[in-house]
Protein backbone atom coordinates (compact mmCIF):
# COMPACT_ATOMS: atom_id res chain seq x y z
CA UNK A 1 0.00 0.00 0.00
CA UNK A 2 2.22 2.74 -1.24
CA UNK A 3 -0.38 5.37 -2.09
CA UNK A 4 1.12 8.07 0.16
CA UNK A 5 3.19 9.47 -2.70
CA UNK A 6 0.15 10.10 -4.86
CA UNK A 7 -1.56 12.18 -2.24
CA UNK A 8 1.55 14.30 -1.76
CA UNK A 9 1.88 14.89 -5.51
CA UNK A 10 -1.80 15.76 -5.82
CA UNK A 11 -1.61 18.10 -2.83
CA UNK A 12 1.48 19.86 -4.28
CA UNK A 13 -0.27 20.19 -7.66
CA UNK A 14 -3.35 21.71 -6.00
CA UNK A 15 -1.12 24.16 -4.08
CA UNK A 16 0.70 25.18 -7.29
CA UNK A 17 -2.62 25.66 -9.06
CA UNK A 18 -3.98 27.75 -6.18
CA UNK A 19 -0.87 29.97 -6.14
CA UNK A 20 -0.95 30.33 -9.93
CA UNK A 21 -4.61 31.39 -9.88
CA UNK A 22 -3.96 33.83 -7.03
CA UNK A 23 -1.05 35.46 -8.93
CA UNK A 24 -3.10 35.62 -12.14
CA UNK A 25 -6.05 37.30 -10.33
CA UNK A 26 -3.67 39.72 -8.60
CA UNK A 27 -2.06 40.62 -11.93
CA UNK A 28 -5.46 41.11 -13.62
CA UNK A 29 -6.73 43.23 -10.74
CA UNK A 30 -3.57 45.36 -10.86
CA UNK A 31 -3.98 45.91 -14.61
CA UNK A 32 -7.63 46.98 -14.14
CA UNK A 33 -6.67 49.31 -11.30
CA UNK A 34 -3.90 50.92 -13.38
CA UNK A 35 -6.31 51.44 -16.26
CA UNK A 36 -8.89 53.00 -13.92
CA UNK A 37 -6.27 55.21 -12.27
CA UNK A 38 -4.98 56.41 -15.64
CA UNK A 39 -8.51 57.24 -16.77
CA UNK A 40 -9.24 59.18 -13.58
CA UNK A 41 -5.90 61.02 -13.82
CA UNK A 42 -6.61 61.97 -17.44
CA UNK A 43 -10.06 63.32 -16.62
CA UNK A 44 -8.82 65.28 -13.59
CA UNK A 45 -5.86 66.61 -15.57
CA UNK A 46 -8.12 67.74 -18.41
CA UNK A 47 -10.47 69.49 -16.01
CA UNK A 48 -7.49 71.16 -14.33
CA UNK A 49 -6.10 72.43 -17.65
CA UNK A 50 -9.52 73.76 -18.68
CA UNK A 51 -9.94 75.44 -15.29
CA UNK A 52 -6.54 77.12 -15.52
CA UNK A 53 -7.21 78.31 -19.08
CA UNK A 54 -10.61 79.68 -18.02
CA UNK A 55 -9.13 81.44 -14.99
CA UNK A 56 -6.44 83.09 -17.09
CA UNK A 57 -9.00 84.18 -19.65
CA UNK A 58 -11.20 85.72 -16.98
CA UNK A 59 -8.20 87.39 -15.33
CA UNK A 60 -7.01 89.05 -18.53
CA UNK A 61 -10.47 89.89 -19.91
CA UNK A 62 -12.46 91.00 -16.90
CA UNK A 63 -10.12 90.98 -13.89
CA UNK A 64 -7.20 93.10 -12.73
CA UNK A 65 -5.11 91.95 -15.69
CA UNK A 66 -7.47 93.65 -18.16
CA UNK A 67 -5.92 96.59 -19.99
CA UNK A 68 -7.08 100.04 -18.97
CA UNK A 69 -9.34 101.62 -21.59
CA UNK A 70 -7.45 104.43 -23.29
CA UNK A 71 -9.34 107.68 -23.76
CA UNK A 72 -9.96 108.53 -27.38
CA UNK A 73 -9.97 112.07 -28.61
CA UNK A 74 -13.23 112.94 -30.27
CA UNK A 75 -13.57 116.35 -31.76
CA UNK A 76 -15.90 118.62 -29.83
CA UNK A 77 -17.59 121.68 -31.32
CA UNK A 78 -15.01 123.97 -29.68
CA UNK A 79 -12.15 122.02 -31.20
CA UNK A 80 -13.49 122.47 -34.69
CA UNK A 81 -13.15 126.28 -34.57
CA UNK A 82 -9.77 127.53 -35.71
CA UNK A 83 -7.33 128.64 -33.05
CA UNK A 84 -6.58 132.38 -32.81
CA UNK A 85 -3.66 133.55 -34.89
CA UNK A 86 -0.57 134.95 -33.18
CA UNK A 87 -1.32 138.44 -34.58
CA UNK A 88 -4.51 138.75 -32.63
CA UNK A 89 -3.06 138.05 -29.19
CA UNK A 90 -3.98 140.70 -26.66
CA UNK A 91 -1.32 143.00 -25.28
CA UNK A 92 -0.46 142.52 -21.63
CA UNK A 93 -1.96 145.13 -19.32
CA UNK A 94 0.51 147.60 -17.78
CA UNK A 95 1.42 146.58 -14.32
CA UNK A 96 0.99 149.02 -11.52
CA UNK A 97 3.95 148.68 -9.22
CA UNK A 98 3.80 150.37 -5.84
CA UNK A 99 6.23 153.21 -5.37
CA UNK A 100 8.42 153.02 -2.31
CA UNK A 101 7.81 155.63 0.38
CA UNK A 102 10.72 157.55 1.91
PDB file of N, CA and C in Angstrom:
ATOM      1  N   UNK A   1       0.807  -1.170   0.000  1.00  0.00           N
ATOM      2  CA  UNK A   1       0.000   0.000   0.000  1.00  0.00           C
ATOM      3  C   UNK A   1       0.861   1.248   0.000  1.00  0.00           C
ATOM      4  N   UNK A   2       1.353   1.582  -1.099  1.00  0.00           N
ATOM      5  CA  UNK A   2       2.222   2.744  -1.238  1.00  0.00           C
ATOM      6  C   UNK A   2       1.492   3.854  -1.970  1.00  0.00           C
ATOM      7  N   UNK A   3       0.399   4.296  -1.455  1.00  0.00           N
ATOM      8  CA  UNK A   3      -0.375   5.366  -2.091  1.00  0.00           C
ATOM      9  C   UNK A   3      -0.097   6.728  -1.471  1.00  0.00           C
ATOM     10  N   UNK A   4       0.799   6.808  -0.492  1.00  0.00           N
ATOM     11  CA  UNK A   4       1.116   8.075   0.164  1.00  0.00           C
ATOM     12  C   UNK A   4       1.772   9.055  -0.782  1.00  0.00           C
ATOM     13  N   UNK A   5       2.509   8.586  -1.748  1.00  0.00           N
ATOM     14  CA  UNK A   5       3.186   9.466  -2.699  1.00  0.00           C
ATOM     15  C   UNK A   5       2.208  10.165  -3.622  1.00  0.00           C
ATOM     16  N   UNK A   6       1.142   9.499  -3.964  1.00  0.00           N
ATOM     17  CA  UNK A   6       0.146  10.097  -4.858  1.00  0.00           C
ATOM     18  C   UNK A   6      -0.557  11.265  -4.191  1.00  0.00           C
ATOM     19  N   UNK A   7      -0.881  11.089  -2.954  1.00  0.00           N
ATOM     20  CA  UNK A   7      -1.561  12.177  -2.242  1.00  0.00           C
ATOM     21  C   UNK A   7      -0.665  13.401  -2.108  1.00  0.00           C
ATOM     22  N   UNK A   8       0.626  13.170  -1.860  1.00  0.00           N
ATOM     23  CA  UNK A   8       1.546  14.304  -1.762  1.00  0.00           C
ATOM     24  C   UNK A   8       1.681  15.011  -3.101  1.00  0.00           C
ATOM     25  N   UNK A   9       1.765  14.277  -4.170  1.00  0.00           N
ATOM     26  CA  UNK A   9       1.879  14.891  -5.506  1.00  0.00           C
ATOM     27  C   UNK A   9       0.605  15.660  -5.850  1.00  0.00           C
ATOM     28  N   UNK A  10      -0.534  15.087  -5.523  1.00  0.00           N
ATOM     29  CA  UNK A  10      -1.804  15.760  -5.819  1.00  0.00           C
ATOM     30  C   UNK A  10      -1.942  17.021  -4.966  1.00  0.00           C
ATOM     31  N   UNK A  11      -1.538  16.935  -3.710  1.00  0.00           N
ATOM     32  CA  UNK A  11      -1.612  18.103  -2.831  1.00  0.00           C
ATOM     33  C   UNK A  11      -0.673  19.198  -3.323  1.00  0.00           C
ATOM     34  N   UNK A  12       0.520  18.873  -3.755  1.00  0.00           N
ATOM     35  CA  UNK A  12       1.476  19.855  -4.279  1.00  0.00           C
ATOM     36  C   UNK A  12       0.940  20.486  -5.564  1.00  0.00           C
ATOM     37  N   UNK A  13       0.293  19.675  -6.413  1.00  0.00           N
ATOM     38  CA  UNK A  13      -0.273  20.194  -7.659  1.00  0.00           C
ATOM     39  C   UNK A  13      -1.420  21.162  -7.352  1.00  0.00           C
ATOM     40  N   UNK A  14      -2.255  20.808  -6.385  1.00  0.00           N
ATOM     41  CA  UNK A  14      -3.349  21.707  -5.999  1.00  0.00           C
ATOM     42  C   UNK A  14      -2.798  23.019  -5.443  1.00  0.00           C
ATOM     43  N   UNK A  15      -1.736  22.943  -4.644  1.00  0.00           N
ATOM     44  CA  UNK A  15      -1.119  24.155  -4.083  1.00  0.00           C
ATOM     45  C   UNK A  15      -0.529  25.027  -5.187  1.00  0.00           C
ATOM     46  N   UNK A  16       0.149  24.409  -6.160  1.00  0.00           N
ATOM     47  CA  UNK A  16       0.700  25.178  -7.286  1.00  0.00           C
ATOM     48  C   UNK A  16      -0.411  25.830  -8.097  1.00  0.00           C
ATOM     49  N   UNK A  17      -1.489  25.114  -8.317  1.00  0.00           N
ATOM     50  CA  UNK A  17      -2.621  25.656  -9.062  1.00  0.00           C
ATOM     51  C   UNK A  17      -3.250  26.822  -8.306  1.00  0.00           C
ATOM     52  N   UNK A  18      -3.409  26.680  -6.997  1.00  0.00           N
ATOM     53  CA  UNK A  18      -3.979  27.746  -6.185  1.00  0.00           C
ATOM     54  C   UNK A  18      -3.103  28.996  -6.241  1.00  0.00           C
ATOM     55  N   UNK A  19      -1.790  28.822  -6.090  1.00  0.00           N
ATOM     56  CA  UNK A  19      -0.868  29.968  -6.144  1.00  0.00           C
ATOM     57  C   UNK A  19      -0.878  30.626  -7.525  1.00  0.00           C
ATOM     58  N   UNK A  20      -0.933  29.793  -8.576  1.00  0.00           N
ATOM     59  CA  UNK A  20      -0.955  30.333  -9.932  1.00  0.00           C
ATOM     60  C   UNK A  20      -2.214  31.171 -10.148  1.00  0.00           C
ATOM     61  N   UNK A  21      -3.355  30.655  -9.726  1.00  0.00           N
ATOM     62  CA  UNK A  21      -4.611  31.395  -9.884  1.00  0.00           C
ATOM     63  C   UNK A  21      -4.603  32.686  -9.065  1.00  0.00           C
ATOM     64  N   UNK A  22      -4.033  32.629  -7.864  1.00  0.00           N
ATOM     65  CA  UNK A  22      -3.958  33.830  -7.031  1.00  0.00           C
ATOM     66  C   UNK A  22      -3.081  34.892  -7.693  1.00  0.00           C
ATOM     67  N   UNK A  23      -1.946  34.492  -8.245  1.00  0.00           N
ATOM     68  CA  UNK A  23      -1.052  35.455  -8.932  1.00  0.00           C
ATOM     69  C   UNK A  23      -1.729  36.034 -10.170  1.00  0.00           C
ATOM     70  N   UNK A  24      -2.435  35.167 -10.926  1.00  0.00           N
ATOM     71  CA  UNK A  24      -3.104  35.623 -12.138  1.00  0.00           C
ATOM     72  C   UNK A  24      -4.211  36.629 -11.791  1.00  0.00           C
ATOM     73  N   UNK A  25      -5.008  36.362 -10.760  1.00  0.00           N
ATOM     74  CA  UNK A  25      -6.050  37.304 -10.330  1.00  0.00           C
ATOM     75  C   UNK A  25      -5.447  38.616  -9.847  1.00  0.00           C
ATOM     76  N   UNK A  26      -4.354  38.514  -9.085  1.00  0.00           N
ATOM     77  CA  UNK A  26      -3.670  39.721  -8.596  1.00  0.00           C
ATOM     78  C   UNK A  26      -3.175  40.562  -9.772  1.00  0.00           C
ATOM     79  N   UNK A  27      -2.575  39.913 -10.759  1.00  0.00           N
ATOM     80  CA  UNK A  27      -2.063  40.625 -11.931  1.00  0.00           C
ATOM     81  C   UNK A  27      -3.211  41.278 -12.709  1.00  0.00           C
ATOM     82  N   UNK A  28      -4.311  40.547 -12.908  1.00  0.00           N
ATOM     83  CA  UNK A  28      -5.458  41.106 -13.624  1.00  0.00           C
ATOM     84  C   UNK A  28      -6.070  42.285 -12.869  1.00  0.00           C
ATOM     85  N   UNK A  29      -6.187  42.136 -11.550  1.00  0.00           N
ATOM     86  CA  UNK A  29      -6.731  43.230 -10.741  1.00  0.00           C
ATOM     87  C   UNK A  29      -5.828  44.466 -10.799  1.00  0.00           C
ATOM     88  N   UNK A  30      -4.517  44.232 -10.781  1.00  0.00           N
ATOM     89  CA  UNK A  30      -3.572  45.356 -10.857  1.00  0.00           C
ATOM     90  C   UNK A  30      -3.693  46.065 -12.203  1.00  0.00           C
ATOM     91  N   UNK A  31      -3.838  45.307 -13.282  1.00  0.00           N
ATOM     92  CA  UNK A  31      -3.976  45.907 -14.612  1.00  0.00           C
ATOM     93  C   UNK A  31      -5.263  46.731 -14.690  1.00  0.00           C
ATOM     94  N   UNK A  32      -6.373  46.215 -14.151  1.00  0.00           N
ATOM     95  CA  UNK A  32      -7.626  46.976 -14.144  1.00  0.00           C
ATOM     96  C   UNK A  32      -7.498  48.246 -13.303  1.00  0.00           C
ATOM     97  N   UNK A  33      -6.830  48.146 -12.170  1.00  0.00           N
ATOM     98  CA  UNK A  33      -6.668  49.311 -11.303  1.00  0.00           C
ATOM     99  C   UNK A  33      -5.806  50.371 -11.986  1.00  0.00           C
ATOM    100  N   UNK A  34      -4.744  49.951 -12.665  1.00  0.00           N
ATOM    101  CA  UNK A  34      -3.897  50.924 -13.381  1.00  0.00           C
ATOM    102  C   UNK A  34      -4.683  51.616 -14.489  1.00  0.00           C
ATOM    103  N   UNK A  35      -5.497  50.856 -15.206  1.00  0.00           N
ATOM    104  CA  UNK A  35      -6.311  51.443 -16.263  1.00  0.00           C
ATOM    105  C   UNK A  35      -7.292  52.454 -15.674  1.00  0.00           C
ATOM    106  N   UNK A  36      -7.952  52.092 -14.578  1.00  0.00           N
ATOM    107  CA  UNK A  36      -8.892  52.995 -13.924  1.00  0.00           C
ATOM    108  C   UNK A  36      -8.182  54.246 -13.413  1.00  0.00           C
ATOM    109  N   UNK A  37      -7.022  54.064 -12.789  1.00  0.00           N
ATOM    110  CA  UNK A  37      -6.272  55.213 -12.267  1.00  0.00           C
ATOM    111  C   UNK A  37      -5.826  56.142 -13.390  1.00  0.00           C
ATOM    112  N   UNK A  38      -5.393  55.581 -14.513  1.00  0.00           N
ATOM    113  CA  UNK A  38      -4.981  56.412 -15.644  1.00  0.00           C
ATOM    114  C   UNK A  38      -6.164  57.191 -16.213  1.00  0.00           C
ATOM    115  N   UNK A  39      -7.320  56.560 -16.273  1.00  0.00           N
ATOM    116  CA  UNK A  39      -8.509  57.241 -16.770  1.00  0.00           C
ATOM    117  C   UNK A  39      -8.895  58.391 -15.836  1.00  0.00           C
ATOM    118  N   UNK A  40      -8.895  58.132 -14.553  1.00  0.00           N
ATOM    119  CA  UNK A  40      -9.235  59.180 -13.581  1.00  0.00           C
ATOM    120  C   UNK A  40      -8.218  60.326 -13.652  1.00  0.00           C
ATOM    121  N   UNK A  41      -6.934  59.984 -13.744  1.00  0.00           N
ATOM    122  CA  UNK A  41      -5.896  61.024 -13.824  1.00  0.00           C
ATOM    123  C   UNK A  41      -6.051  61.854 -15.096  1.00  0.00           C
ATOM    124  N   UNK A  42      -6.407  61.229 -16.198  1.00  0.00           N
ATOM    125  CA  UNK A  42      -6.611  61.971 -17.444  1.00  0.00           C
ATOM    126  C   UNK A  42      -7.788  62.923 -17.352  1.00  0.00           C
ATOM    127  N   UNK A  43      -8.882  62.460 -16.758  1.00  0.00           N
ATOM    128  CA  UNK A  43     -10.059  63.316 -16.619  1.00  0.00           C
ATOM    129  C   UNK A  43      -9.759  64.486 -15.686  1.00  0.00           C
ATOM    130  N   UNK A  44      -9.149  64.209 -14.542  1.00  0.00           N
ATOM    131  CA  UNK A  44      -8.822  65.276 -13.592  1.00  0.00           C
ATOM    132  C   UNK A  44      -7.820  66.255 -14.202  1.00  0.00           C
ATOM    133  N   UNK A  45      -6.832  65.738 -14.921  1.00  0.00           N
ATOM    134  CA  UNK A  45      -5.855  66.610 -15.569  1.00  0.00           C
ATOM    135  C   UNK A  45      -6.502  67.503 -16.622  1.00  0.00           C
ATOM    136  N   UNK A  46      -7.421  66.943 -17.401  1.00  0.00           N
ATOM    137  CA  UNK A  46      -8.121  67.740 -18.406  1.00  0.00           C
ATOM    138  C   UNK A  46      -8.959  68.835 -17.779  1.00  0.00           C
ATOM    139  N   UNK A  47      -9.665  68.483 -16.702  1.00  0.00           N
ATOM    140  CA  UNK A  47     -10.470  69.487 -16.005  1.00  0.00           C
ATOM    141  C   UNK A  47      -9.577  70.576 -15.428  1.00  0.00           C
ATOM    142  N   UNK A  48      -8.428  70.185 -14.898  1.00  0.00           N
ATOM    143  CA  UNK A  48      -7.490  71.160 -14.334  1.00  0.00           C
ATOM    144  C   UNK A  48      -6.969  72.111 -15.404  1.00  0.00           C
ATOM    145  N   UNK A  49      -6.605  71.576 -16.565  1.00  0.00           N
ATOM    146  CA  UNK A  49      -6.101  72.425 -17.655  1.00  0.00           C
ATOM    147  C   UNK A  49      -7.197  73.384 -18.123  1.00  0.00           C
ATOM    148  N   UNK A  50      -8.432  72.881 -18.270  1.00  0.00           N
ATOM    149  CA  UNK A  50      -9.525  73.760 -18.683  1.00  0.00           C
ATOM    150  C   UNK A  50      -9.808  74.830 -17.629  1.00  0.00           C
ATOM    151  N   UNK A  51      -9.724  74.457 -16.360  1.00  0.00           N
ATOM    152  CA  UNK A  51      -9.936  75.436 -15.290  1.00  0.00           C
ATOM    153  C   UNK A  51      -8.880  76.524 -15.292  1.00  0.00           C
ATOM    154  N   UNK A  52      -7.634  76.137 -15.490  1.00  0.00           N
ATOM    155  CA  UNK A  52      -6.542  77.122 -15.523  1.00  0.00           C
ATOM    156  C   UNK A  52      -6.699  78.046 -16.725  1.00  0.00           C
ATOM    157  N   UNK A  53      -7.034  77.481 -17.883  1.00  0.00           N
ATOM    158  CA  UNK A  53      -7.214  78.311 -19.084  1.00  0.00           C
ATOM    159  C   UNK A  53      -8.386  79.277 -18.879  1.00  0.00           C
ATOM    160  N   UNK A  54      -9.464  78.801 -18.285  1.00  0.00           N
ATOM    161  CA  UNK A  54     -10.609  79.681 -18.025  1.00  0.00           C
ATOM    162  C   UNK A  54     -10.273  80.775 -17.033  1.00  0.00           C
ATOM    163  N   UNK A  55      -9.513  80.431 -15.990  1.00  0.00           N
ATOM    164  CA  UNK A  55      -9.133  81.437 -14.986  1.00  0.00           C
ATOM    165  C   UNK A  55      -8.243  82.514 -15.601  1.00  0.00           C
ATOM    166  N   UNK A  56      -7.301  82.104 -16.444  1.00  0.00           N
ATOM    167  CA  UNK A  56      -6.438  83.094 -17.088  1.00  0.00           C
ATOM    168  C   UNK A  56      -7.238  83.989 -18.027  1.00  0.00           C
ATOM    169  N   UNK A  57      -8.171  83.385 -18.743  1.00  0.00           N
ATOM    170  CA  UNK A  57      -8.996  84.183 -19.650  1.00  0.00           C
ATOM    171  C   UNK A  57      -9.804  85.211 -18.873  1.00  0.00           C
ATOM    172  N   UNK A  58     -10.434  84.775 -17.795  1.00  0.00           N
ATOM    173  CA  UNK A  58     -11.199  85.722 -16.981  1.00  0.00           C
ATOM    174  C   UNK A  58     -10.302  86.796 -16.376  1.00  0.00           C
ATOM    175  N   UNK A  59      -9.110  86.422 -15.938  1.00  0.00           N
ATOM    176  CA  UNK A  59      -8.196  87.389 -15.327  1.00  0.00           C
ATOM    177  C   UNK A  59      -7.809  88.475 -16.331  1.00  0.00           C
ATOM    178  N   UNK A  60      -7.495  88.068 -17.561  1.00  0.00           N
ATOM    179  CA  UNK A  60      -7.013  89.046 -18.532  1.00  0.00           C
ATOM    180  C   UNK A  60      -8.133  89.745 -19.300  1.00  0.00           C
ATOM    181  N   UNK A  61      -9.361  89.245 -19.217  1.00  0.00           N
ATOM    182  CA  UNK A  61     -10.467  89.894 -19.913  1.00  0.00           C
ATOM    183  C   UNK A  61     -11.266  90.781 -18.962  1.00  0.00           C
ATOM    184  N   UNK A  62     -11.575  90.257 -17.783  1.00  0.00           N
ATOM    185  CA  UNK A  62     -12.465  91.004 -16.896  1.00  0.00           C
ATOM    186  C   UNK A  62     -11.841  91.346 -15.552  1.00  0.00           C
ATOM    187  N   UNK A  63     -10.701  90.778 -15.213  1.00  0.00           N
ATOM    188  CA  UNK A  63     -10.120  90.978 -13.892  1.00  0.00           C
ATOM    189  C   UNK A  63      -9.105  92.094 -13.865  1.00  0.00           C
ATOM    190  N   UNK A  64      -8.212  92.048 -12.869  1.00  0.00           N
ATOM    191  CA  UNK A  64      -7.199  93.100 -12.729  1.00  0.00           C
ATOM    192  C   UNK A  64      -6.158  93.076 -13.832  1.00  0.00           C
ATOM    193  N   UNK A  65      -6.083  92.014 -14.592  1.00  0.00           N
ATOM    194  CA  UNK A  65      -5.113  91.953 -15.688  1.00  0.00           C
ATOM    195  C   UNK A  65      -5.634  92.580 -16.965  1.00  0.00           C
ATOM    196  N   UNK A  66      -6.888  93.043 -16.960  1.00  0.00           N
ATOM    197  CA  UNK A  66      -7.470  93.649 -18.160  1.00  0.00           C
ATOM    198  C   UNK A  66      -6.795  94.987 -18.426  1.00  0.00           C
ATOM    199  N   UNK A  67      -6.553  95.307 -19.681  1.00  0.00           N
ATOM    200  CA  UNK A  67      -5.921  96.590 -19.988  1.00  0.00           C
ATOM    201  C   UNK A  67      -6.876  97.742 -19.688  1.00  0.00           C
ATOM    202  N   UNK A  68      -6.293  98.846 -19.262  1.00  0.00           N
ATOM    203  CA  UNK A  68      -7.078 100.041 -18.973  1.00  0.00           C
ATOM    204  C   UNK A  68      -7.591 100.609 -20.297  1.00  0.00           C
ATOM    205  N   UNK A  69      -8.847 101.017 -20.342  1.00  0.00           N
ATOM    206  CA  UNK A  69      -9.342 101.616 -21.591  1.00  0.00           C
ATOM    207  C   UNK A  69      -8.686 102.978 -21.798  1.00  0.00           C
ATOM    208  N   UNK A  70      -8.127 103.170 -22.973  1.00  0.00           N
ATOM    209  CA  UNK A  70      -7.449 104.428 -23.286  1.00  0.00           C
ATOM    210  C   UNK A  70      -8.484 105.439 -23.772  1.00  0.00           C
ATOM    211  N   UNK A  71      -8.387 106.680 -23.293  1.00  0.00           N
ATOM    212  CA  UNK A  71      -9.342 107.684 -23.758  1.00  0.00           C
ATOM    213  C   UNK A  71      -9.063 108.027 -25.222  1.00  0.00           C
ATOM    214  N   UNK A  72     -10.118 108.153 -25.962  1.00  0.00           N
ATOM    215  CA  UNK A  72      -9.960 108.525 -27.375  1.00  0.00           C
ATOM    216  C   UNK A  72     -10.341 109.991 -27.511  1.00  0.00           C
ATOM    217  N   UNK A  73      -9.671 110.654 -28.407  1.00  0.00           N
ATOM    218  CA  UNK A  73      -9.974 112.070 -28.607  1.00  0.00           C
ATOM    219  C   UNK A  73     -11.032 112.180 -29.692  1.00  0.00           C
ATOM    220  N   UNK A  74     -12.162 112.682 -29.308  1.00  0.00           N
ATOM    221  CA  UNK A  74     -13.229 112.939 -30.268  1.00  0.00           C
ATOM    222  C   UNK A  74     -13.361 114.437 -30.404  1.00  0.00           C
ATOM    223  N   UNK A  75     -13.494 114.899 -31.582  1.00  0.00           N
ATOM    224  CA  UNK A  75     -13.572 116.354 -31.756  1.00  0.00           C
ATOM    225  C   UNK A  75     -14.880 116.888 -31.165  1.00  0.00           C
ATOM    226  N   UNK A  76     -14.739 117.951 -30.402  1.00  0.00           N
ATOM    227  CA  UNK A  76     -15.903 118.622 -29.831  1.00  0.00           C
ATOM    228  C   UNK A  76     -16.175 119.864 -30.660  1.00  0.00           C
ATOM    229  N   UNK A  77     -17.306 120.487 -30.511  1.00  0.00           N
ATOM    230  CA  UNK A  77     -17.586 121.684 -31.323  1.00  0.00           C
ATOM    231  C   UNK A  77     -16.572 122.805 -31.085  1.00  0.00           C
ATOM    232  N   UNK A  78     -15.986 122.908 -29.914  1.00  0.00           N
ATOM    233  CA  UNK A  78     -15.014 123.974 -29.676  1.00  0.00           C
ATOM    234  C   UNK A  78     -13.695 123.654 -30.351  1.00  0.00           C
ATOM    235  N   UNK A  79     -13.419 122.371 -30.555  1.00  0.00           N
ATOM    236  CA  UNK A  79     -12.151 122.019 -31.199  1.00  0.00           C
ATOM    237  C   UNK A  79     -12.219 122.215 -32.700  1.00  0.00           C
ATOM    238  N   UNK A  80     -13.391 122.306 -33.251  1.00  0.00           N
ATOM    239  CA  UNK A  80     -13.491 122.469 -34.691  1.00  0.00           C
ATOM    240  C   UNK A  80     -13.288 123.909 -35.119  1.00  0.00           C
ATOM    241  N   UNK A  81     -13.395 124.868 -34.205  1.00  0.00           N
ATOM    242  CA  UNK A  81     -13.154 126.281 -34.571  1.00  0.00           C
ATOM    243  C   UNK A  81     -11.657 126.489 -34.651  1.00  0.00           C
ATOM    244  N   UNK A  82     -11.216 127.316 -35.569  1.00  0.00           N
ATOM    245  CA  UNK A  82      -9.773 127.527 -35.705  1.00  0.00           C
ATOM    246  C   UNK A  82      -9.217 128.285 -34.504  1.00  0.00           C
ATOM    247  N   UNK A  83      -7.996 127.977 -34.168  1.00  0.00           N
ATOM    248  CA  UNK A  83      -7.332 128.645 -33.055  1.00  0.00           C
ATOM    249  C   UNK A  83      -6.983 130.073 -33.451  1.00  0.00           C
ATOM    250  N   UNK A  84      -6.922 130.990 -32.471  1.00  0.00           N
ATOM    251  CA  UNK A  84      -6.581 132.384 -32.813  1.00  0.00           C
ATOM    252  C   UNK A  84      -5.160 132.461 -33.366  1.00  0.00           C
ATOM    253  N   UNK A  85      -4.977 133.370 -34.280  1.00  0.00           N
ATOM    254  CA  UNK A  85      -3.660 133.546 -34.886  1.00  0.00           C
ATOM    255  C   UNK A  85      -2.778 134.336 -33.934  1.00  0.00           C
ATOM    256  N   UNK A  86      -1.472 134.214 -34.070  1.00  0.00           N
ATOM    257  CA  UNK A  86      -0.574 134.951 -33.177  1.00  0.00           C
ATOM    258  C   UNK A  86      -0.705 136.462 -33.291  1.00  0.00           C
ATOM    259  N   UNK A  87      -1.192 136.990 -34.423  1.00  0.00           N
ATOM    260  CA  UNK A  87      -1.324 138.442 -34.582  1.00  0.00           C
ATOM    261  C   UNK A  87      -2.424 139.001 -33.696  1.00  0.00           C
ATOM    262  N   UNK A  88      -3.389 138.212 -33.384  1.00  0.00           N
ATOM    263  CA  UNK A  88      -4.512 138.752 -32.630  1.00  0.00           C
ATOM    264  C   UNK A  88      -4.400 138.473 -31.133  1.00  0.00           C
ATOM    265  N   UNK A  89      -3.201 138.252 -30.628  1.00  0.00           N
ATOM    266  CA  UNK A  89      -3.056 138.046 -29.185  1.00  0.00           C
ATOM    267  C   UNK A  89      -3.166 139.380 -28.481  1.00  0.00           C
ATOM    268  N   UNK A  90      -3.830 139.413 -27.366  1.00  0.00           N
ATOM    269  CA  UNK A  90      -3.977 140.699 -26.662  1.00  0.00           C
ATOM    270  C   UNK A  90      -2.654 141.118 -26.021  1.00  0.00           C
ATOM    271  N   UNK A  91      -2.512 142.435 -25.911  1.00  0.00           N
ATOM    272  CA  UNK A  91      -1.322 142.999 -25.279  1.00  0.00           C
ATOM    273  C   UNK A  91      -1.454 142.859 -23.776  1.00  0.00           C
ATOM    274  N   UNK A  92      -0.347 142.608 -23.090  1.00  0.00           N
ATOM    275  CA  UNK A  92      -0.459 142.522 -21.632  1.00  0.00           C
ATOM    276  C   UNK A  92      -0.791 143.880 -21.031  1.00  0.00           C
ATOM    277  N   UNK A  93      -1.560 143.882 -19.982  1.00  0.00           N
ATOM    278  CA  UNK A  93      -1.958 145.128 -19.324  1.00  0.00           C
ATOM    279  C   UNK A  93      -0.758 145.682 -18.558  1.00  0.00           C
ATOM    280  N   UNK A  94      -0.630 147.033 -18.521  1.00  0.00           N
ATOM    281  CA  UNK A  94       0.508 147.599 -17.781  1.00  0.00           C
ATOM    282  C   UNK A  94       0.354 147.311 -16.291  1.00  0.00           C
ATOM    283  N   UNK A  95       1.435 146.914 -15.741  1.00  0.00           N
ATOM    284  CA  UNK A  95       1.417 146.582 -14.322  1.00  0.00           C
ATOM    285  C   UNK A  95       1.554 147.834 -13.490  1.00  0.00           C
ATOM    286  N   UNK A  96       0.846 147.880 -12.430  1.00  0.00           N
ATOM    287  CA  UNK A  96       0.993 149.015 -11.522  1.00  0.00           C
ATOM    288  C   UNK A  96       1.839 148.539 -10.366  1.00  0.00           C
ATOM    289  N   UNK A  97       3.036 149.060 -10.301  1.00  0.00           N
ATOM    290  CA  UNK A  97       3.955 148.683  -9.221  1.00  0.00           C
ATOM    291  C   UNK A  97       3.880 149.745  -8.149  1.00  0.00           C
ATOM    292  N   UNK A  98       3.838 149.364  -6.920  1.00  0.00           N
ATOM    293  CA  UNK A  98       3.796 150.366  -5.841  1.00  0.00           C
ATOM    294  C   UNK A  98       5.132 151.146  -5.768  1.00  0.00           C
ATOM    295  N   UNK A  99       5.033 152.391  -5.495  1.00  0.00           N
ATOM    296  CA  UNK A  99       6.229 153.211  -5.367  1.00  0.00           C
ATOM    297  C   UNK A  99       6.669 153.193  -3.911  1.00  0.00           C
ATOM    298  N   UNK A 100       7.948 153.081  -3.689  1.00  0.00           N
ATOM    299  CA  UNK A 100       8.419 153.024  -2.311  1.00  0.00           C
ATOM    300  C   UNK A 100       8.266 154.385  -1.621  1.00  0.00           C
ATOM    301  N   UNK A 101       7.955 154.378  -0.391  1.00  0.00           N
ATOM    302  CA  UNK A 101       7.810 155.626   0.379  1.00  0.00           C
ATOM    303  C   UNK A 101       9.097 155.917   1.120  1.00  0.00           C
ATOM    304  N   UNK A 102       9.448 157.230   1.229  1.00  0.00           N
ATOM    305  CA  UNK A 102      10.720 157.554   1.914  1.00  0.00           C
ATOM    306  C   UNK A 102      10.670 157.434   3.423  1.00  0.00           C
TER     307      UNK A 102
END
